[in-house]
Protein backbone atom coordinates (compact mmCIF):
# COMPACT_ATOMS: atom_id res chain seq x y z
CA MET A 1 15.29 -22.11 21.82
CA ASP A 2 12.09 -24.10 21.30
CA ARG A 3 12.16 -23.88 17.53
CA SER A 4 14.26 -22.43 14.75
CA ALA A 5 14.03 -20.92 11.26
CA ASP A 6 16.39 -19.26 8.84
CA VAL A 7 14.18 -16.24 8.21
CA ILE A 8 11.24 -15.06 10.33
CA VAL A 9 8.73 -12.69 8.73
CA ILE A 10 6.50 -10.73 11.13
CA GLY A 11 3.13 -9.72 9.68
CA GLY A 12 0.71 -11.32 7.25
CA GLY A 13 -0.34 -8.36 5.14
CA ILE A 14 0.43 -7.96 1.46
CA MET A 15 4.09 -7.17 2.20
CA GLY A 16 4.78 -9.97 4.64
CA LEU A 17 3.12 -12.58 2.42
CA ASN A 18 4.99 -11.42 -0.69
CA VAL A 19 8.29 -11.38 1.22
CA ALA A 20 7.69 -14.91 2.52
CA ALA A 21 6.62 -16.20 -0.89
CA ARG A 22 9.66 -14.85 -2.69
CA LEU A 23 12.15 -15.82 0.01
CA ALA A 24 10.83 -19.37 -0.06
CA ALA A 25 10.90 -19.48 -3.87
CA ALA A 26 14.52 -18.30 -3.77
CA ARG A 27 15.42 -21.18 -1.40
CA ALA A 28 16.48 -18.80 1.35
CA GLY A 29 16.19 -21.57 3.92
CA ARG A 30 13.32 -22.24 6.28
CA VAL A 31 10.98 -19.25 6.05
CA VAL A 32 8.40 -18.85 8.82
CA LEU A 33 5.77 -16.09 8.95
CA PHE A 34 3.81 -15.11 12.06
CA GLU A 35 0.57 -13.11 11.83
CA LYS A 36 -1.04 -12.12 15.13
CA ARG A 37 -4.61 -12.16 13.79
CA ARG A 38 -5.43 -13.13 10.23
CA PHE A 39 -3.95 -12.32 6.84
CA GLY A 40 -4.83 -8.74 5.91
CA ALA A 41 -6.31 -7.88 9.33
CA GLY A 42 -4.35 -4.63 9.50
CA GLU A 43 -3.98 -2.35 6.50
CA SER A 44 -4.13 -4.72 3.54
CA GLY A 45 -7.59 -6.20 4.02
CA LYS A 46 -9.39 -2.85 3.68
CA SER A 47 -7.23 -1.50 0.88
CA GLY A 48 -8.69 -0.14 -2.33
CA ALA A 49 -5.86 -2.22 -3.88
CA ILE A 50 -5.39 0.29 -6.71
CA LEU A 51 -2.54 -0.65 -9.05
CA ARG A 52 -1.45 2.63 -10.62
CA GLN A 53 1.89 3.72 -12.02
CA HIS A 54 1.41 7.46 -11.62
CA TYR A 55 4.32 8.52 -9.40
CA SER A 56 6.91 11.26 -9.14
CA HIS A 57 9.91 8.93 -8.86
CA GLN A 58 11.34 6.55 -11.43
CA THR A 59 11.96 3.75 -8.94
CA LEU A 60 8.32 3.79 -7.79
CA ILE A 61 6.98 3.72 -11.34
CA ALA A 62 9.27 0.83 -12.25
CA MET A 63 8.35 -1.11 -9.10
CA ALA A 64 4.64 -0.52 -9.79
CA GLN A 65 5.13 -1.77 -13.36
CA SER A 66 6.88 -4.91 -12.15
CA SER A 67 4.22 -5.58 -9.53
CA LEU A 68 1.35 -5.03 -11.96
CA ALA A 69 2.84 -7.71 -14.23
CA ALA A 70 3.13 -10.04 -11.23
CA TYR A 71 -0.48 -9.43 -10.19
CA ARG A 72 -1.67 -10.12 -13.74
CA ALA A 73 0.23 -13.40 -13.75
CA LEU A 74 -1.16 -14.32 -10.33
CA HIS A 75 -4.70 -13.55 -11.51
CA GLU A 76 -4.27 -15.95 -14.43
CA ARG A 77 -2.69 -18.65 -12.30
CA ALA A 78 -4.75 -18.57 -9.09
CA PRO A 79 -7.93 -20.70 -9.03
CA GLY A 80 -10.76 -18.22 -9.50
CA GLY A 81 -8.34 -15.34 -9.98
CA ILE A 82 -7.75 -12.37 -7.66
CA GLY A 83 -10.50 -10.11 -8.97
CA LEU A 84 -8.24 -8.13 -11.30
CA GLN A 85 -10.09 -5.33 -13.10
CA ASN A 86 -8.58 -2.85 -15.58
CA PRO A 87 -10.71 0.32 -15.67
CA GLY A 88 -7.76 2.72 -15.95
CA MET A 89 -7.27 5.74 -13.71
CA ALA A 90 -7.77 9.46 -14.28
CA PHE A 91 -5.96 12.22 -12.39
CA VAL A 92 -7.36 15.76 -12.25
CA CYS A 93 -5.60 18.87 -10.96
CA GLY A 94 -5.86 22.64 -11.01
CA PRO A 95 -3.32 25.18 -12.25
CA ALA A 96 -1.25 24.92 -9.05
CA ASP A 97 -0.42 21.27 -9.77
CA ARG A 98 -0.11 21.52 -13.55
CA VAL A 99 3.69 21.38 -13.61
CA GLY A 100 3.76 18.35 -11.29
CA LEU A 101 1.21 16.42 -13.32
CA GLU A 102 2.94 17.18 -16.61
CA ARG A 103 6.29 16.14 -15.14
CA ASN A 104 4.83 12.87 -13.85
CA VAL A 105 3.23 12.11 -17.22
CA ALA A 106 6.52 12.74 -19.01
CA LEU A 107 8.34 10.47 -16.57
CA GLN A 108 5.75 7.71 -17.01
CA ARG A 109 5.98 7.91 -20.79
CA SER A 110 9.78 7.73 -20.66
CA LEU A 111 9.38 4.40 -18.85
CA GLY A 112 6.86 3.00 -21.31
CA VAL A 113 3.61 3.73 -19.44
CA GLU A 114 0.72 4.63 -21.75
CA VAL A 115 -0.80 7.92 -20.54
CA GLU A 116 -3.19 10.29 -22.29
CA SER A 117 -3.06 13.99 -21.38
CA LEU A 118 -6.41 15.80 -21.04
CA ASP A 119 -7.22 19.51 -20.97
CA ALA A 120 -10.51 20.79 -19.57
CA ALA A 121 -12.33 20.13 -22.85
CA GLY A 122 -10.81 16.67 -23.04
CA LEU A 123 -11.90 15.93 -19.47
CA ARG A 124 -15.47 16.99 -20.29
CA THR A 125 -15.52 14.66 -23.28
CA PHE A 126 -13.91 11.89 -21.27
CA GLU A 127 -16.54 12.11 -18.49
CA PRO A 128 -19.62 14.13 -19.56
CA ARG A 129 -21.37 13.53 -16.22
CA ALA A 130 -18.69 15.48 -14.36
CA THR A 131 -18.03 19.21 -14.15
CA PHE A 132 -14.57 20.55 -14.92
CA ALA A 133 -13.51 24.19 -14.67
CA ASP A 134 -11.47 25.98 -17.30
CA GLY A 135 -7.81 25.62 -16.40
CA GLU A 136 -8.18 22.14 -14.89
CA ILE A 137 -6.16 19.44 -16.58
CA GLY A 138 -5.75 15.72 -16.17
CA CYS A 139 -4.40 12.50 -17.54
CA PHE A 140 -5.64 8.96 -18.04
CA GLU A 141 -3.44 5.94 -17.29
CA ARG A 142 -4.84 3.06 -19.33
CA ALA A 143 -3.12 0.18 -17.53
CA ALA A 144 -4.20 1.17 -14.03
CA SER A 145 -6.11 -1.64 -12.39
CA PHE A 146 -7.26 -2.97 -9.04
CA VAL A 147 -7.61 -6.35 -7.34
CA ILE A 148 -9.81 -7.70 -4.55
CA PRO A 149 -7.68 -7.71 -1.39
CA HIS A 150 -8.89 -10.89 0.32
CA LEU A 151 -8.58 -12.92 -2.88
CA THR A 152 -5.10 -11.55 -3.50
CA LEU A 153 -3.91 -12.18 0.05
CA ALA A 154 -5.17 -15.77 -0.12
CA ALA A 155 -3.49 -16.34 -3.47
CA VAL A 156 -0.13 -14.95 -2.30
CA ALA A 157 -0.40 -17.06 0.88
CA ALA A 158 -1.02 -20.15 -1.26
CA GLN A 159 1.95 -19.19 -3.41
CA ALA A 160 4.14 -18.88 -0.31
CA ARG A 161 3.06 -22.25 1.08
CA ALA A 162 3.57 -23.93 -2.30
CA ALA A 163 7.15 -22.60 -2.28
CA GLY A 164 7.74 -24.06 1.18
CA ALA A 165 7.10 -21.13 3.52
CA GLU A 166 5.45 -21.90 6.87
CA LEU A 167 2.65 -19.44 7.63
CA HIS A 168 0.93 -19.05 11.02
CA GLU A 169 -2.20 -17.00 11.66
CA GLY A 170 -3.34 -16.15 15.19
CA CYS A 171 0.27 -16.25 16.35
CA GLY A 172 1.55 -12.90 17.60
CA VAL A 173 5.16 -11.91 18.11
CA ALA A 174 5.73 -10.35 21.54
CA ALA A 175 9.37 -9.36 21.07
CA ILE A 176 12.36 -9.49 18.77
CA GLU A 177 15.28 -11.21 20.49
CA GLN A 178 18.89 -10.06 20.12
CA ASP A 179 22.29 -10.97 21.45
CA ALA A 180 24.67 -8.68 23.36
CA ASN A 181 25.82 -7.10 20.10
CA ARG A 182 22.23 -6.27 19.09
CA ARG A 183 22.17 -8.89 16.38
CA ALA A 184 18.72 -10.40 15.83
CA THR A 185 18.59 -13.98 17.04
CA GLY A 186 14.88 -14.72 16.70
CA VAL A 187 11.54 -13.84 18.27
CA ARG A 188 9.49 -14.56 21.35
CA LEU A 189 5.85 -15.32 20.63
CA ALA A 190 2.90 -14.15 22.70
CA ASP A 191 2.59 -17.61 24.26
CA GLY A 192 6.23 -17.54 25.38
CA THR A 193 7.59 -19.78 22.64
CA ARG A 194 11.00 -18.72 21.39
CA VAL A 195 11.96 -19.21 17.75
CA ALA A 196 15.56 -18.73 16.68
CA ALA A 197 16.52 -17.25 13.30
CA ARG A 198 19.47 -15.63 11.59
CA THR A 199 17.22 -12.95 9.99
CA VAL A 200 14.04 -11.23 11.18
CA VAL A 201 11.97 -9.14 8.75
CA VAL A 202 9.43 -6.82 10.36
CA CYS A 203 6.42 -6.31 8.05
CA GLY A 204 4.01 -5.50 10.86
CA GLY A 205 2.41 -2.34 9.50
CA PRO A 206 1.15 -0.18 12.40
CA TRP A 207 2.52 -2.71 14.91
CA SER A 208 6.07 -2.36 13.54
CA ARG A 209 7.12 0.71 15.51
CA ALA A 210 6.41 -0.79 18.94
CA LEU A 211 8.25 -4.02 18.14
CA LEU A 212 11.27 -2.17 16.79
CA LEU A 213 11.32 0.37 19.62
CA ALA A 214 11.34 -2.44 22.19
CA ALA A 215 14.37 -3.83 20.35
CA GLY A 216 16.14 -0.48 20.62
CA ALA A 217 15.43 0.80 17.11
CA ASP A 218 13.56 4.12 17.05
CA LEU A 219 12.24 4.62 13.51
CA PRO A 220 9.89 7.40 12.33
CA LEU A 221 6.77 5.28 11.85
CA SER A 222 3.31 6.33 12.99
CA ALA A 223 -0.24 5.18 12.30
CA VAL A 224 -3.33 7.10 11.21
CA ALA A 225 -6.90 6.00 10.51
CA PRO A 226 -8.13 7.20 7.09
CA GLU A 227 -11.89 6.99 6.68
CA GLN A 228 -13.66 5.66 3.59
CA ALA A 229 -17.31 6.01 2.58
CA PHE A 230 -19.44 3.78 0.37
CA PHE A 231 -22.25 5.07 -1.84
CA ILE A 232 -24.73 3.47 -4.20
CA PRO A 233 -24.16 5.14 -7.60
CA PRO A 234 -26.93 7.51 -8.70
CA ALA A 235 -29.85 5.97 -10.60
CA GLY A 236 -28.85 5.30 -14.19
CA HIS A 237 -25.24 6.25 -13.46
CA GLY A 238 -23.79 2.74 -13.44
CA PRO A 239 -20.16 2.07 -12.60
CA ASP A 240 -17.79 5.01 -12.93
CA ARG A 241 -15.75 4.95 -16.10
CA CYS A 242 -12.48 4.57 -14.26
CA ILE A 243 -10.73 5.12 -10.93
CA TRP A 244 -10.42 8.82 -10.13
CA ALA A 245 -7.86 10.88 -8.21
CA ASP A 246 -9.11 14.46 -7.88
CA LEU A 247 -6.45 16.75 -6.45
CA VAL A 248 -8.75 19.78 -6.66
CA ASN A 249 -11.30 18.25 -4.28
CA ASP A 250 -8.77 16.11 -2.36
CA LEU A 251 -10.69 12.97 -3.21
CA TYR A 252 -10.41 9.57 -4.84
CA TRP A 253 -13.23 7.25 -5.80
CA LYS A 254 -13.64 3.93 -7.54
CA SER A 255 -16.40 1.50 -8.40
CA GLU A 256 -16.09 -1.64 -6.31
CA THR A 257 -17.02 -5.10 -7.53
CA THR A 258 -19.75 -5.02 -4.85
CA GLY A 259 -21.51 -2.27 -6.80
CA PHE A 260 -20.68 0.44 -4.26
CA THR A 261 -18.54 3.48 -4.98
CA ARG A 262 -15.64 3.76 -2.52
CA VAL A 263 -14.77 7.38 -1.64
CA GLY A 264 -11.82 8.63 0.40
CA ARG A 265 -9.54 11.64 0.86
CA LEU A 266 -6.23 11.71 -0.99
CA SER A 267 -4.44 13.43 1.87
CA TYR A 268 -4.12 11.80 5.28
CA GLU A 269 -2.72 14.72 7.24
CA HIS A 270 -6.17 15.38 8.74
CA ASP A 271 -6.70 11.75 9.83
CA ARG A 272 -6.73 10.88 13.51
CA ALA A 273 -3.58 9.40 15.00
CA VAL A 274 -3.67 5.77 16.17
CA PRO A 275 -1.30 5.28 19.12
CA ASP A 276 -2.53 1.71 19.72
CA PRO A 277 -3.60 -0.22 16.59
CA ASP A 278 -5.06 -3.01 18.74
CA SER A 279 -7.76 -0.65 19.98
CA SER A 280 -8.34 1.31 16.77
CA ASP A 281 -11.98 2.22 16.12
CA GLU A 282 -13.03 1.03 12.64
CA GLY A 283 -16.10 3.28 12.52
CA VAL A 284 -16.47 6.58 10.66
CA SER A 285 -18.11 9.85 11.59
CA GLY A 286 -21.28 11.27 10.14
CA ALA A 287 -19.33 14.43 9.39
CA PHE A 288 -16.93 12.47 7.21
CA LEU A 289 -19.76 10.80 5.27
CA ALA A 290 -21.43 14.15 4.64
CA ASP A 291 -18.14 15.75 3.61
CA SER A 292 -17.39 12.87 1.21
CA ARG A 293 -20.78 13.28 -0.46
CA ALA A 294 -20.29 17.04 -0.79
CA ARG A 295 -16.79 16.73 -2.24
CA LEU A 296 -17.82 14.07 -4.76
CA ALA A 297 -20.99 15.99 -5.74
CA ARG A 298 -18.87 19.04 -6.55
CA ARG A 299 -17.33 16.95 -9.29
CA VAL A 300 -20.21 14.62 -10.22
CA ALA A 301 -23.51 16.27 -9.31
CA GLY A 302 -25.48 13.02 -9.54
CA TYR A 303 -23.88 11.81 -6.31
CA ARG A 304 -25.58 14.61 -4.35
CA GLU A 305 -28.59 12.35 -3.69
CA ALA A 306 -26.75 9.01 -3.73
CA VAL A 307 -27.56 6.61 -0.90
CA CYS A 308 -24.70 6.21 1.58
CA TRP A 309 -24.05 2.78 3.07
CA GLY A 310 -21.71 3.99 5.75
CA GLY A 311 -18.00 3.50 5.78
CA VAL A 312 -14.97 2.10 7.51
CA ALA A 313 -11.75 3.42 9.02
CA ALA A 314 -8.62 1.68 7.80
CA LEU A 315 -5.02 2.03 8.95
CA TYR A 316 -2.05 3.67 7.27
CA THR A 317 1.49 3.36 8.61
CA VAL A 318 3.17 6.60 7.56
CA THR A 319 6.62 8.14 7.46
CA PRO A 320 7.65 11.82 7.35
CA ASP A 321 8.08 11.73 3.55
CA ALA A 322 5.32 9.20 2.73
CA GLN A 323 7.81 6.64 1.41
CA ALA A 324 8.38 3.27 3.02
CA LEU A 325 11.29 2.08 5.12
CA ILE A 326 12.71 -1.01 3.42
CA GLY A 327 16.01 -2.55 4.39
CA PRO A 328 18.39 -3.34 7.23
CA VAL A 329 17.91 -1.53 10.53
CA ALA A 330 21.14 0.34 11.31
CA GLY A 331 23.04 -1.08 14.27
CA HIS A 332 20.96 -4.27 14.40
CA ASP A 333 22.48 -7.00 12.24
CA GLY A 334 20.00 -9.52 10.92
CA LEU A 335 17.01 -7.19 11.43
CA LEU A 336 15.14 -5.68 8.49
CA VAL A 337 12.08 -3.45 8.34
CA VAL A 338 9.42 -3.28 5.62
CA SER A 339 6.85 -0.72 6.73
CA GLY A 340 5.55 2.83 6.34
CA PHE A 341 3.99 2.66 2.87
CA SER A 342 1.74 5.60 3.75
CA GLY A 343 -1.36 4.33 1.96
CA HIS A 344 0.13 3.38 -1.40
CA GLY A 345 1.87 0.07 -0.75
CA PHE A 346 -0.48 -2.65 -2.05
CA LYS A 347 0.53 -1.97 -5.65
CA LEU A 348 4.23 -2.47 -4.79
CA GLY A 349 3.95 -5.78 -2.91
CA PRO A 350 5.51 -8.25 -5.39
CA SER A 351 8.39 -5.90 -6.21
CA VAL A 352 9.06 -5.33 -2.51
CA GLY A 353 9.14 -9.10 -2.03
CA ASP A 354 11.81 -9.37 -4.72
CA ALA A 355 13.80 -6.54 -3.16
CA VAL A 356 13.82 -8.03 0.34
CA THR A 357 14.77 -11.42 -1.06
CA ALA A 358 17.77 -9.83 -2.77
CA LEU A 359 18.76 -8.08 0.48
CA VAL A 360 18.54 -11.31 2.47
CA ALA A 361 19.65 -13.97 0.02
CA GLY A 362 21.27 -12.07 -2.85
CA GLY A 363 20.15 -11.99 -6.44
CA ASP A 364 18.32 -9.46 -8.59
CA ALA A 365 16.50 -6.73 -6.65
CA GLY A 366 14.70 -5.53 -9.78
CA PRO A 367 13.99 -1.78 -9.92
CA PHE A 368 14.31 -1.37 -6.15
CA GLU A 369 16.80 1.30 -5.03
CA ARG A 370 18.20 0.62 -1.60
CA ASP A 371 19.08 4.22 -0.77
CA PHE A 372 15.63 5.54 -1.79
CA PHE A 373 13.94 3.44 0.92
CA ALA A 374 16.83 3.31 3.43
CA PRO A 375 15.44 3.19 6.99
CA ASP A 376 18.19 5.53 8.24
CA ARG A 377 17.64 8.24 5.63
CA PHE A 378 15.93 10.63 8.05
CA ALA A 379 18.81 10.34 10.51
CA ARG A 380 21.06 11.35 7.61
CA GLY A 381 18.86 14.33 6.76
CA ALA A 382 17.48 12.84 3.56
CA ARG A 383 13.82 12.73 2.63
CA ARG A 384 11.83 12.25 -0.58
CA SER A 385 9.42 14.72 -2.10
CA GLY A 386 6.62 14.23 -4.62
CA ALA A 387 5.03 16.45 -7.24
CA TYR A 388 1.86 17.06 -5.24
CA GLY A 389 0.75 18.09 -1.80
CA SER A 390 -1.16 14.81 -1.44
CA SER A 391 1.50 12.54 0.02
CA VAL A 392 -0.31 9.30 -0.85
CA LEU A 393 0.30 10.01 -4.54
CA GLY A 394 4.05 9.69 -3.96
């Protein structure tokens, strides 16, 4: 071997950087991260980076709570901050999703999350510029926030380096190396360099499946390209009051610090598949932009004439139940996977870092539940379900 490490982390998105930072802080040995392009070049850099706690599962709510506290602390500590904003987030649904929303609100409250329930009249008072039908209900999560992705990625990278992790951008991993017993022994880089390690953690987002498959591990990961549109708010409208998730119109939108309003679909089942993330087209269709305007205008009529500034296609790595694969890969000692967050992972990054550190080096895993995210759960016939049809809401 040309070089060696104790733990190799593959991928420099929000997960890989948090895993490296927390492993290094826990003194898990020499931690080396390889990112084939630049930090956040895959999914994380284009994220809306919404930090909500509205989920259908206790473990996800608790992990989101833990991560929100970590992001707040990072914002205070990082020079210039990470762009943390706290507008809150509103969720709107029709009668078909009433039971799910009410159940989620009750679960949040039981875990200490402050949530206000809203009937149709309450929604109209909450946002007079929007139109709400009788029978629609919603809730408002006061603590929901967002951060600016590139500032956050840079701050977590600085945190990792300060703890002793070695981070490499522009350094792709060509293969995971294993011995005759399929135990991970390191990686081979794109330039042919071999780096030995006792543990390899794959946080490669849409590139994870190909790397794992080449190592003999066939996991249910696939990539899609969700489109997002950007509009200038209507004249006199100003920033939206909060972040919105509208289950009735299958839409979310949020005011960006740039002044634009970001608009995207909640569901990703209609998004085009991405068999090769290296050749993924980042453009969006005119049909999508028009559809986004129409959907948003059905809720807030002022957006009907709003100027559109185009959009961008991002990447989601998805699983059959929209929950991530986090943990050891069955039959491959020393190999872990952290992927498949299905569009709602940014908010969980710090907590995932703590969980992986506990799996690798021992210690407190926090609210993480190993079985909930087990990579072999589908092979065992287990899968998670959420309260809504929109998988990204978990």
